[in-house]
Amino acid sequence: AVEGILISKDAVDYYEAVQEFMVVERTDERGSTALVGCGALHIMWED
């Protein structure tokens, strides 16, 4: 968003759309996990 590549939204917008998102998480050698990717599918119309 800082680079102007994506548009940042308010937190509430992400919570409202959480069901649209998929995430990829990575586990490190200590067993801690961190998100390394996200993407969403938004339905616009029937097709």
All heavy atoms as atom14 arrays in JSON, in Angstrom:
{
  "sequence": "AVEGILISKDAVDYYEAVQEFMVVERTDERGSTALVGCGALHIMWED",
  "atom14_mask": [
    [1, 1, 1, 1, 1, 0, 0, 0, 0, 0, 0, 0, 0, 0],
    [1, 1, 1, 1, 1, 1, 1, 0, 0, 0, 0, 0, 0, 0],
    [1, 1, 1, 1, 1, 1, 1, 1, 1, 0, 0, 0, 0, 0],
    [1, 1, 1, 1, 0, 0, 0, 0, 0, 0, 0, 0, 0, 0],
    [1, 1, 1, 1, 1, 1, 1, 1, 0, 0, 0, 0, 0, 0],
    [1, 1, 1, 1, 1, 1, 1, 1, 0, 0, 0, 0, 0, 0],
    [1, 1, 1, 1, 1, 1, 1, 1, 0, 0, 0, 0, 0, 0],
    [1, 1, 1, 1, 1, 1, 0, 0, 0, 0, 0, 0, 0, 0],
    [1, 1, 1, 1, 1, 1, 1, 1, 1, 0, 0, 0, 0, 0],
    [1, 1, 1, 1, 1, 1, 1, 1, 0, 0, 0, 0, 0, 0],
    [1, 1, 1, 1, 1, 0, 0, 0, 0, 0, 0, 0, 0, 0],
    [1, 1, 1, 1, 1, 1, 1, 0, 0, 0, 0, 0, 0, 0],
    [1, 1, 1, 1, 1, 1, 1, 1, 0, 0, 0, 0, 0, 0],
    [1, 1, 1, 1, 1, 1, 1, 1, 1, 1, 1, 1, 0, 0],
    [1, 1, 1, 1, 1, 1, 1, 1, 1, 1, 1, 1, 0, 0],
    [1, 1, 1, 1, 1, 1, 1, 1, 1, 0, 0, 0, 0, 0],
    [1, 1, 1, 1, 1, 0, 0, 0, 0, 0, 0, 0, 0, 0],
    [1, 1, 1, 1, 1, 1, 1, 0, 0, 0, 0, 0, 0, 0],
    [1, 1, 1, 1, 1, 1, 1, 1, 1, 0, 0, 0, 0, 0],
    [1, 1, 1, 1, 1, 1, 1, 1, 1, 0, 0, 0, 0, 0],
    [1, 1, 1, 1, 1, 1, 1, 1, 1, 1, 1, 0, 0, 0],
    [1, 1, 1, 1, 1, 1, 1, 1, 0, 0, 0, 0, 0, 0],
    [1, 1, 1, 1, 1, 1, 1, 0, 0, 0, 0, 0, 0, 0],
    [1, 1, 1, 1, 1, 1, 1, 0, 0, 0, 0, 0, 0, 0],
    [1, 1, 1, 1, 1, 1, 1, 1, 1, 0, 0, 0, 0, 0],
    [1, 1, 1, 1, 1, 1, 1, 1, 1, 1, 1, 0, 0, 0],
    [1, 1, 1, 1, 1, 1, 1, 0, 0, 0, 0, 0, 0, 0],
    [1, 1, 1, 1, 1, 1, 1, 1, 0, 0, 0, 0, 0, 0],
    [1, 1, 1, 1, 1, 1, 1, 1, 1, 0, 0, 0, 0, 0],
    [1, 1, 1, 1, 1, 1, 1, 1, 1, 1, 1, 0, 0, 0],
    [1, 1, 1, 1, 0, 0, 0, 0, 0, 0, 0, 0, 0, 0],
    [1, 1, 1, 1, 1, 1, 0, 0, 0, 0, 0, 0, 0, 0],
    [1, 1, 1, 1, 1, 1, 1, 0, 0, 0, 0, 0, 0, 0],
    [1, 1, 1, 1, 1, 0, 0, 0, 0, 0, 0, 0, 0, 0],
    [1, 1, 1, 1, 1, 1, 1, 1, 0, 0, 0, 0, 0, 0],
    [1, 1, 1, 1, 1, 1, 1, 0, 0, 0, 0, 0, 0, 0],
    [1, 1, 1, 1, 0, 0, 0, 0, 0, 0, 0, 0, 0, 0],
    [1, 1, 1, 1, 1, 1, 0, 0, 0, 0, 0, 0, 0, 0],
    [1, 1, 1, 1, 0, 0, 0, 0, 0, 0, 0, 0, 0, 0],
    [1, 1, 1, 1, 1, 0, 0, 0, 0, 0, 0, 0, 0, 0],
    [1, 1, 1, 1, 1, 1, 1, 1, 0, 0, 0, 0, 0, 0],
    [1, 1, 1, 1, 1, 1, 1, 1, 1, 1, 0, 0, 0, 0],
    [1, 1, 1, 1, 1, 1, 1, 1, 0, 0, 0, 0, 0, 0],
    [1, 1, 1, 1, 1, 1, 1, 1, 0, 0, 0, 0, 0, 0],
    [1, 1, 1, 1, 1, 1, 1, 1, 1, 1, 1, 1, 1, 1],
    [1, 1, 1, 1, 1, 1, 1, 1, 1, 0, 0, 0, 0, 0],
    [1, 1, 1, 1, 1, 1, 1, 1, 0, 0, 0, 0, 0, 0]
  ],
  "atom14_positions": [
    [[0.84, -1.2, 0.0], [0.0, 0.0, 0.0], [0.88, 1.26, 0.0], [0.59, 2.22, -0.71], [-0.94, -0.01, 1.19], [0.0, 0.0, 0.0], [0.0, 0.0, 0.0], [0.0, 0.0, 0.0], [0.0, 0.0, 0.0], [0.0, 0.0, 0.0], [0.0, 0.0, 0.0], [0.0, 0.0, 0.0], [0.0, 0.0, 0.0], [0.0, 0.0, 0.0]],
    [[1.97, 1.23, 0.76], [2.89, 2.36, 0.8], [3.48, 2.61, -0.59], [3.64, 3.75, -1.02], [4.01, 2.13, 1.84], [5.12, 3.16, 1.7], [3.43, 2.15, 3.25], [0.0, 0.0, 0.0], [0.0, 0.0, 0.0], [0.0, 0.0, 0.0], [0.0, 0.0, 0.0], [0.0, 0.0, 0.0], [0.0, 0.0, 0.0], [0.0, 0.0, 0.0]],
    [[3.76, 1.53, -1.32], [4.32, 1.64, -2.67], [3.26, 1.99, -3.72], [3.6, 2.23, -4.88], [4.98, 0.32, -3.08], [6.23, -0.02, -2.31], [6.81, -1.34, -2.78], [6.93, -1.55, -4.01], [7.14, -2.17, -1.91], [0.0, 0.0, 0.0], [0.0, 0.0, 0.0], [0.0, 0.0, 0.0], [0.0, 0.0, 0.0], [0.0, 0.0, 0.0]],
    [[1.98, 1.97, -3.35], [0.92, 2.27, -4.29], [0.53, 1.08, -5.15], [-0.15, 1.24, -6.16], [0.0, 0.0, 0.0], [0.0, 0.0, 0.0], [0.0, 0.0, 0.0], [0.0, 0.0, 0.0], [0.0, 0.0, 0.0], [0.0, 0.0, 0.0], [0.0, 0.0, 0.0], [0.0, 0.0, 0.0], [0.0, 0.0, 0.0], [0.0, 0.0, 0.0]],
    [[0.94, -0.11, -4.74], [0.63, -1.32, -5.51], [-0.74, -1.88, -5.1], [-1.5, -2.34, -5.94], [1.74, -2.37, -5.31], [3.04, -1.83, -5.93], [1.35, -3.71, -5.91], [4.27, -2.65, -5.6], [0.0, 0.0, 0.0], [0.0, 0.0, 0.0], [0.0, 0.0, 0.0], [0.0, 0.0, 0.0], [0.0, 0.0, 0.0], [0.0, 0.0, 0.0]],
    [[-1.03, -1.87, -3.81], [-2.34, -2.28, -3.31], [-2.95, -1.1, -2.57], [-2.23, -0.21, -2.09], [-2.2, -3.46, -2.33], [-1.78, -4.79, -2.93], [-1.6, -5.83, -1.82], [-2.8, -5.3, -3.93], [0.0, 0.0, 0.0], [0.0, 0.0, 0.0], [0.0, 0.0, 0.0], [0.0, 0.0, 0.0], [0.0, 0.0, 0.0], [0.0, 0.0, 0.0]],
    [[-4.26, -1.12, -2.45], [-4.95, -0.07, -1.72], [-5.26, -0.61, -0.33], [-5.87, -1.66, -0.17], [-6.25, 0.34, -2.45], [-5.89, 0.96, -3.8], [-7.06, 1.31, -1.61], [-7.08, 1.23, -4.69], [0.0, 0.0, 0.0], [0.0, 0.0, 0.0], [0.0, 0.0, 0.0], [0.0, 0.0, 0.0], [0.0, 0.0, 0.0], [0.0, 0.0, 0.0]],
    [[-4.81, 0.12, 0.67], [-5.07, -0.27, 2.05], [-6.52, 0.03, 2.4], [-7.1, 1.0, 1.9], [-4.14, 0.49, 2.99], [-4.34, 0.06, 4.31], [0.0, 0.0, 0.0], [0.0, 0.0, 0.0], [0.0, 0.0, 0.0], [0.0, 0.0, 0.0], [0.0, 0.0, 0.0], [0.0, 0.0, 0.0], [0.0, 0.0, 0.0], [0.0, 0.0, 0.0]],
    [[-7.08, -0.8, 3.24], [-8.46, -0.61, 3.68], [-8.49, -0.57, 5.2], [-7.53, -0.96, 5.87], [-9.33, -1.77, 3.18], [-9.4, -1.87, 1.67], [-10.24, -3.06, 1.25], [-10.25, -3.16, -0.27], [-10.93, -4.37, -0.71], [0.0, 0.0, 0.0], [0.0, 0.0, 0.0], [0.0, 0.0, 0.0], [0.0, 0.0, 0.0], [0.0, 0.0, 0.0]],
    [[-9.6, -0.14, 5.73], [-9.78, -0.15, 7.17], [-9.88, -1.59, 7.66], [-10.34, -2.48, 6.92], [-11.06, 0.61, 7.55], [-10.96, 2.1, 7.25], [-9.85, 2.66, 7.37], [-12.0, 2.69, 6.91], [0.0, 0.0, 0.0], [0.0, 0.0, 0.0], [0.0, 0.0, 0.0], [0.0, 0.0, 0.0], [0.0, 0.0, 0.0], [0.0, 0.0, 0.0]],
    [[-9.5, -1.82, 8.9], [-9.55, -3.16, 9.48], [-10.94, -3.77, 9.35], [-11.07, -4.96, 9.05], [-9.12, -3.12, 10.94], [0.0, 0.0, 0.0], [0.0, 0.0, 0.0], [0.0, 0.0, 0.0], [0.0, 0.0, 0.0], [0.0, 0.0, 0.0], [0.0, 0.0, 0.0], [0.0, 0.0, 0.0], [0.0, 0.0, 0.0], [0.0, 0.0, 0.0]],
    [[-11.97, -2.99, 9.54], [-13.33, -3.51, 9.47], [-13.62, -4.13, 8.1], [-14.32, -5.15, 8.0], [-14.37, -2.43, 9.84], [-14.43, -1.32, 8.79], [-15.75, -3.05, 10.04], [0.0, 0.0, 0.0], [0.0, 0.0, 0.0], [0.0, 0.0, 0.0], [0.0, 0.0, 0.0], [0.0, 0.0, 0.0], [0.0, 0.0, 0.0], [0.0, 0.0, 0.0]],
    [[-13.05, -3.56, 7.04], [-13.27, -4.12, 5.7], [-12.67, -5.52, 5.58], [-13.26, -6.39, 4.94], [-12.67, -3.2, 4.64], [-13.37, -1.85, 4.57], [-14.62, -1.84, 4.65], [-12.68, -0.83, 4.44], [0.0, 0.0, 0.0], [0.0, 0.0, 0.0], [0.0, 0.0, 0.0], [0.0, 0.0, 0.0], [0.0, 0.0, 0.0], [0.0, 0.0, 0.0]],
    [[-11.52, -5.72, 6.19], [-10.89, -7.05, 6.14], [-11.68, -8.05, 6.98], [-11.84, -9.2, 6.58], [-9.44, -6.98, 6.6], [-8.57, -6.2, 5.64], [-8.09, -4.94, 5.97], [-8.26, -6.72, 4.39], [-7.31, -4.23, 5.09], [-7.48, -6.01, 3.5], [-7.01, -4.76, 3.86], [-6.24, -4.05, 2.98], [0.0, 0.0, 0.0], [0.0, 0.0, 0.0]],
    [[-12.15, -7.64, 8.14], [-12.98, -8.55, 8.95], [-14.26, -8.93, 8.21], [-14.67, -10.08, 8.22], [-13.29, -7.94, 10.31], [-12.12, -7.99, 11.27], [-11.44, -6.84, 11.61], [-11.69, -9.2, 11.8], [-10.35, -6.88, 12.47], [-10.6, -9.26, 12.66], [-9.94, -8.1, 12.99], [-8.86, -8.15, 13.83], [0.0, 0.0, 0.0], [0.0, 0.0, 0.0]],
    [[-14.89, -7.95, 7.56], [-16.12, -8.24, 6.82], [-15.87, -9.2, 5.66], [-16.78, -9.92, 5.25], [-16.73, -6.94, 6.29], [-17.34, -6.09, 7.38], [-17.86, -4.75, 6.88], [-17.55, -4.36, 5.74], [-18.58, -4.09, 7.64], [0.0, 0.0, 0.0], [0.0, 0.0, 0.0], [0.0, 0.0, 0.0], [0.0, 0.0, 0.0], [0.0, 0.0, 0.0]],
    [[-14.67, -9.22, 5.13], [-14.35, -10.05, 3.96], [-13.47, -11.25, 4.32], [-12.95, -11.9, 3.42], [-13.66, -9.2, 2.9], [0.0, 0.0, 0.0], [0.0, 0.0, 0.0], [0.0, 0.0, 0.0], [0.0, 0.0, 0.0], [0.0, 0.0, 0.0], [0.0, 0.0, 0.0], [0.0, 0.0, 0.0], [0.0, 0.0, 0.0], [0.0, 0.0, 0.0]],
    [[-13.31, -11.57, 5.59], [-12.37, -12.63, 5.98], [-12.66, -13.95, 5.26], [-11.75, -14.68, 4.89], [-12.33, -12.81, 7.52], [-13.65, -13.4, 8.04], [-11.14, -13.66, 7.92], [0.0, 0.0, 0.0], [0.0, 0.0, 0.0], [0.0, 0.0, 0.0], [0.0, 0.0, 0.0], [0.0, 0.0, 0.0], [0.0, 0.0, 0.0], [0.0, 0.0, 0.0]],
    [[-13.92, -14.23, 4.99], [-14.28, -15.49, 4.32], [-13.82, -15.53, 2.88], [-13.78, -16.6, 2.27], [-15.79, -15.76, 4.42], [-16.65, -14.84, 3.58], [-16.88, -13.46, 4.19], [-16.47, -13.16, 5.3], [-17.56, -12.6, 3.44], [0.0, 0.0, 0.0], [0.0, 0.0, 0.0], [0.0, 0.0, 0.0], [0.0, 0.0, 0.0], [0.0, 0.0, 0.0]],
    [[-13.43, -14.41, 2.29], [-12.93, -14.36, 0.92], [-11.45, -14.72, 0.83], [-10.95, -15.03, -0.24], [-13.13, -12.95, 0.33], [-14.58, -12.54, 0.21], [-14.73, -11.15, -0.4], [-13.72, -10.47, -0.66], [-15.89, -10.76, -0.62], [0.0, 0.0, 0.0], [0.0, 0.0, 0.0], [0.0, 0.0, 0.0], [0.0, 0.0, 0.0], [0.0, 0.0, 0.0]],
    [[-10.74, -14.67, 1.95], [-9.29, -14.81, 1.97], [-8.79, -16.24, 2.16], [-9.37, -17.01, 2.9], [-8.68, -13.95, 3.08], [-8.53, -12.51, 2.73], [-9.57, -11.62, 2.92], [-7.34, -12.04, 2.18], [-9.44, -10.29, 2.6], [-7.2, -10.7, 1.85], [-8.25, -9.83, 2.05], [0.0, 0.0, 0.0], [0.0, 0.0, 0.0], [0.0, 0.0, 0.0]],
    [[-7.67, -16.5, 1.49], [-6.84, -17.68, 1.75], [-5.51, -17.13, 2.24], [-5.09, -16.05, 1.81], [-6.62, -18.5, 0.47], [-7.87, -19.09, -0.13], [-8.59, -20.41, 0.87], [-7.35, -21.68, 0.71], [0.0, 0.0, 0.0], [0.0, 0.0, 0.0], [0.0, 0.0, 0.0], [0.0, 0.0, 0.0], [0.0, 0.0, 0.0], [0.0, 0.0, 0.0]],
    [[-4.85, -17.87, 3.11], [-3.54, -17.45, 3.6], [-2.57, -18.63, 3.5], [-2.97, -19.79, 3.51], [-3.58, -16.94, 5.06], [-4.42, -15.67, 5.16], [-4.09, -18.0, 6.02], [0.0, 0.0, 0.0], [0.0, 0.0, 0.0], [0.0, 0.0, 0.0], [0.0, 0.0, 0.0], [0.0, 0.0, 0.0], [0.0, 0.0, 0.0], [0.0, 0.0, 0.0]],
    [[-1.3, -18.29, 3.41], [-0.22, -19.27, 3.46], [0.62, -18.91, 4.67], [0.99, -17.74, 4.85], [0.65, -19.24, 2.18], [1.83, -20.19, 2.3], [-0.2, -19.6, 0.96], [0.0, 0.0, 0.0], [0.0, 0.0, 0.0], [0.0, 0.0, 0.0], [0.0, 0.0, 0.0], [0.0, 0.0, 0.0], [0.0, 0.0, 0.0], [0.0, 0.0, 0.0]],
    [[0.87, -19.9, 5.51], [1.71, -19.64, 6.66], [2.93, -20.55, 6.64], [2.88, -21.64, 6.07], [0.94, -19.76, 7.98], [0.3, -21.08, 8.24], [-0.56, -21.09, 9.5], [-0.68, -20.04, 10.17], [-1.1, -22.13, 9.82], [0.0, 0.0, 0.0], [0.0, 0.0, 0.0], [0.0, 0.0, 0.0], [0.0, 0.0, 0.0], [0.0, 0.0, 0.0]],
    [[3.99, -20.06, 7.23], [5.24, -20.8, 7.31], [5.55, -21.04, 8.78], [5.34, -20.17, 9.62], [6.36, -20.0, 6.65], [7.7, -20.71, 6.65], [8.75, -19.83, 6.09], [8.91, -18.69, 7.0], [9.66, -17.65, 6.74], [10.31, -17.56, 5.62], [9.76, -16.65, 7.61], [0.0, 0.0, 0.0], [0.0, 0.0, 0.0], [0.0, 0.0, 0.0]],
    [[6.05, -22.22, 9.06], [6.46, -22.57, 10.41], [7.98, -22.57, 10.46], [8.63, -23.21, 9.62], [5.91, -23.95, 10.82], [4.49, -23.94, 10.66], [6.25, -24.29, 12.25], [0.0, 0.0, 0.0], [0.0, 0.0, 0.0], [0.0, 0.0, 0.0], [0.0, 0.0, 0.0], [0.0, 0.0, 0.0], [0.0, 0.0, 0.0], [0.0, 0.0, 0.0]],
    [[8.55, -21.87, 11.44], [10.01, -21.85, 11.55], [10.51, -23.03, 12.4], [9.71, -23.83, 12.88], [10.52, -20.51, 12.07], [10.11, -20.21, 13.52], [9.72, -21.14, 14.26], [10.18, -19.04, 13.91], [0.0, 0.0, 0.0], [0.0, 0.0, 0.0], [0.0, 0.0, 0.0], [0.0, 0.0, 0.0], [0.0, 0.0, 0.0], [0.0, 0.0, 0.0]],
    [[11.8, -23.1, 12.58], [12.42, -24.23, 13.29], [12.0, -24.31, 14.76], [12.07, -25.37, 15.38], [13.95, -24.17, 13.16], [14.61, -22.93, 13.72], [14.59, -21.74, 12.78], [14.2, -21.88, 11.61], [14.92, -20.64, 13.24], [0.0, 0.0, 0.0], [0.0, 0.0, 0.0], [0.0, 0.0, 0.0], [0.0, 0.0, 0.0], [0.0, 0.0, 0.0]],
    [[11.53, -23.21, 15.33], [11.05, -23.19, 16.71], [9.57, -23.53, 16.83], [9.03, -23.58, 17.93], [11.33, -21.83, 17.34], [12.82, -21.49, 17.45], [13.06, -20.16, 18.16], [12.2, -19.08, 17.71], [12.54, -18.2, 16.75], [13.68, -18.28, 16.16], [11.7, -17.24, 16.41], [0.0, 0.0, 0.0], [0.0, 0.0, 0.0], [0.0, 0.0, 0.0]],
    [[8.91, -23.7, 15.69], [7.49, -24.01, 15.7], [6.58, -22.81, 15.62], [5.35, -22.95, 15.67], [0.0, 0.0, 0.0], [0.0, 0.0, 0.0], [0.0, 0.0, 0.0], [0.0, 0.0, 0.0], [0.0, 0.0, 0.0], [0.0, 0.0, 0.0], [0.0, 0.0, 0.0], [0.0, 0.0, 0.0], [0.0, 0.0, 0.0], [0.0, 0.0, 0.0]],
    [[7.15, -21.6, 15.52], [6.34, -20.39, 15.38], [5.85, -20.28, 13.94], [6.57, -20.61, 13.01], [7.17, -19.15, 15.72], [7.57, -19.2, 17.06], [0.0, 0.0, 0.0], [0.0, 0.0, 0.0], [0.0, 0.0, 0.0], [0.0, 0.0, 0.0], [0.0, 0.0, 0.0], [0.0, 0.0, 0.0], [0.0, 0.0, 0.0], [0.0, 0.0, 0.0]],
    [[4.63, -19.78, 13.79], [4.09, -19.61, 12.44], [3.94, -18.14, 12.12], [3.75, -17.31, 13.01], [2.71, -20.29, 12.29], [1.8, -19.71, 13.23], [2.8, -21.79, 12.52], [0.0, 0.0, 0.0], [0.0, 0.0, 0.0], [0.0, 0.0, 0.0], [0.0, 0.0, 0.0], [0.0, 0.0, 0.0], [0.0, 0.0, 0.0], [0.0, 0.0, 0.0]],
    [[4.06, -17.84, 10.83], [3.88, -16.47, 10.35], [3.23, -16.53, 8.97], [3.54, -17.44, 8.17], [5.22, -15.75, 10.27], [0.0, 0.0, 0.0], [0.0, 0.0, 0.0], [0.0, 0.0, 0.0], [0.0, 0.0, 0.0], [0.0, 0.0, 0.0], [0.0, 0.0, 0.0], [0.0, 0.0, 0.0], [0.0, 0.0, 0.0], [0.0, 0.0, 0.0]],
    [[2.36, -15.59, 8.69], [1.76, -15.51, 7.37], [2.8, -15.03, 6.37], [3.52, -14.08, 6.62], [0.57, -14.55, 7.35], [-0.67, -14.94, 8.16], [-1.79, -13.95, 7.9], [-1.12, -16.34, 7.85], [0.0, 0.0, 0.0], [0.0, 0.0, 0.0], [0.0, 0.0, 0.0], [0.0, 0.0, 0.0], [0.0, 0.0, 0.0], [0.0, 0.0, 0.0]],
    [[2.88, -15.73, 5.23], [3.8, -15.32, 4.16], [3.05, -15.01, 2.87], [3.66, -14.64, 1.88], [4.9, -16.37, 3.91], [5.82, -16.49, 5.12], [4.31, -17.72, 3.52], [0.0, 0.0, 0.0], [0.0, 0.0, 0.0], [0.0, 0.0, 0.0], [0.0, 0.0, 0.0], [0.0, 0.0, 0.0], [0.0, 0.0, 0.0], [0.0, 0.0, 0.0]],
    [[1.73, -15.14, 2.88], [0.96, -14.8, 1.69], [-0.52, -14.75, 1.99], [-1.01, -15.4, 2.92], [0.0, 0.0, 0.0], [0.0, 0.0, 0.0], [0.0, 0.0, 0.0], [0.0, 0.0, 0.0], [0.0, 0.0, 0.0], [0.0, 0.0, 0.0], [0.0, 0.0, 0.0], [0.0, 0.0, 0.0], [0.0, 0.0, 0.0], [0.0, 0.0, 0.0]],
    [[-1.23, -13.94, 1.19], [-2.68, -13.86, 1.31], [-3.25, -13.48, -0.05], [-2.58, -12.93, -0.9], [-3.11, -12.84, 2.36], [-2.73, -11.12, 1.94], [0.0, 0.0, 0.0], [0.0, 0.0, 0.0], [0.0, 0.0, 0.0], [0.0, 0.0, 0.0], [0.0, 0.0, 0.0], [0.0, 0.0, 0.0], [0.0, 0.0, 0.0], [0.0, 0.0, 0.0]],
    [[-4.49, -13.81, -0.24], [-5.22, -13.44, -1.44], [-6.7, -13.68, -1.2], [-7.08, -14.49, -0.35], [0.0, 0.0, 0.0], [0.0, 0.0, 0.0], [0.0, 0.0, 0.0], [0.0, 0.0, 0.0], [0.0, 0.0, 0.0], [0.0, 0.0, 0.0], [0.0, 0.0, 0.0], [0.0, 0.0, 0.0], [0.0, 0.0, 0.0], [0.0, 0.0, 0.0]],
    [[-7.53, -12.98, -1.95], [-8.97, -13.08, -1.75], [-9.68, -13.29, -3.08], [-9.2, -12.87, -4.13], [-9.51, -11.82, -1.08], [0.0, 0.0, 0.0], [0.0, 0.0, 0.0], [0.0, 0.0, 0.0], [0.0, 0.0, 0.0], [0.0, 0.0, 0.0], [0.0, 0.0, 0.0], [0.0, 0.0, 0.0], [0.0, 0.0, 0.0], [0.0, 0.0, 0.0]],
    [[-10.82, -13.95, -3.01], [-11.72, -14.09, -4.15], [-13.0, -13.36, -3.79], [-13.69, -13.73, -2.83], [-12.02, -15.56, -4.45], [-13.08, -15.77, -5.54], [-12.52, -15.36, -6.9], [-13.56, -17.21, -5.56], [0.0, 0.0, 0.0], [0.0, 0.0, 0.0], [0.0, 0.0, 0.0], [0.0, 0.0, 0.0], [0.0, 0.0, 0.0], [0.0, 0.0, 0.0]],
    [[-13.3, -12.34, -4.56], [-14.52, -11.55, -4.35], [-15.48, -11.86, -5.49], [-15.11, -11.72, -6.66], [-14.18, -10.05, -4.33], [-15.36, -9.18, -4.11], [-15.97, -9.05, -2.88], [-16.04, -8.38, -4.97], [-16.98, -8.21, -3.0], [-17.04, -7.79, -4.25], [0.0, 0.0, 0.0], [0.0, 0.0, 0.0], [0.0, 0.0, 0.0], [0.0, 0.0, 0.0]],
    [[-16.69, -12.26, -5.17], [-17.69, -12.56, -6.19], [-18.38, -11.26, -6.59], [-18.88, -10.51, -5.74], [-18.73, -13.6, -5.7], [-18.01, -14.88, -5.28], [-19.78, -13.86, -6.78], [-17.13, -15.51, -6.34], [0.0, 0.0, 0.0], [0.0, 0.0, 0.0], [0.0, 0.0, 0.0], [0.0, 0.0, 0.0], [0.0, 0.0, 0.0], [0.0, 0.0, 0.0]],
    [[-18.39, -11.02, -7.89], [-18.96, -9.78, -8.41], [-20.34, -9.99, -9.04], [-21.18, -9.11, -9.01], [-18.02, -9.17, -9.45], [-16.68, -8.79, -8.84], [-15.43, -8.38, -10.06], [-16.04, -6.81, -10.64], [0.0, 0.0, 0.0], [0.0, 0.0, 0.0], [0.0, 0.0, 0.0], [0.0, 0.0, 0.0], [0.0, 0.0, 0.0], [0.0, 0.0, 0.0]],
    [[-20.53, -11.16, -9.65], [-21.8, -11.46, -10.32], [-21.9, -12.96, -10.46], [-20.99, -13.71, -10.1], [-21.86, -10.75, -11.68], [-23.26, -10.66, -12.23], [-23.79, -11.37, -13.26], [-24.32, -9.84, -11.74], [-25.1, -11.03, -13.45], [-25.45, -10.08, -12.52], [-24.41, -8.91, -10.71], [-26.67, -9.45, -12.32], [-25.63, -8.27, -10.5], [-26.74, -8.55, -11.3]],
    [[-23.01, -13.42, -11.01], [-23.27, -14.85, -11.17], [-22.1, -15.61, -11.79], [-21.76, -16.7, -11.35], [-24.52, -15.02, -12.05], [-24.88, -16.45, -12.36], [-26.09, -16.55, -13.28], [-26.6, -15.51, -13.74], [-26.52, -17.68, -13.52], [0.0, 0.0, 0.0], [0.0, 0.0, 0.0], [0.0, 0.0, 0.0], [0.0, 0.0, 0.0], [0.0, 0.0, 0.0]],
    [[-21.47, -15.03, -12.79], [-20.41, -15.72, -13.52], [-19.05, -15.05, -13.38], [-18.11, -15.41, -14.07], [-20.77, -15.79, -15.01], [-20.83, -14.41, -15.66], [-21.04, -13.42, -14.94], [-20.66, -14.33, -16.88], [0.0, 0.0, 0.0], [0.0, 0.0, 0.0], [0.0, 0.0, 0.0], [0.0, 0.0, 0.0], [0.0, 0.0, 0.0], [0.0, 0.0, 0.0]]
  ]
}
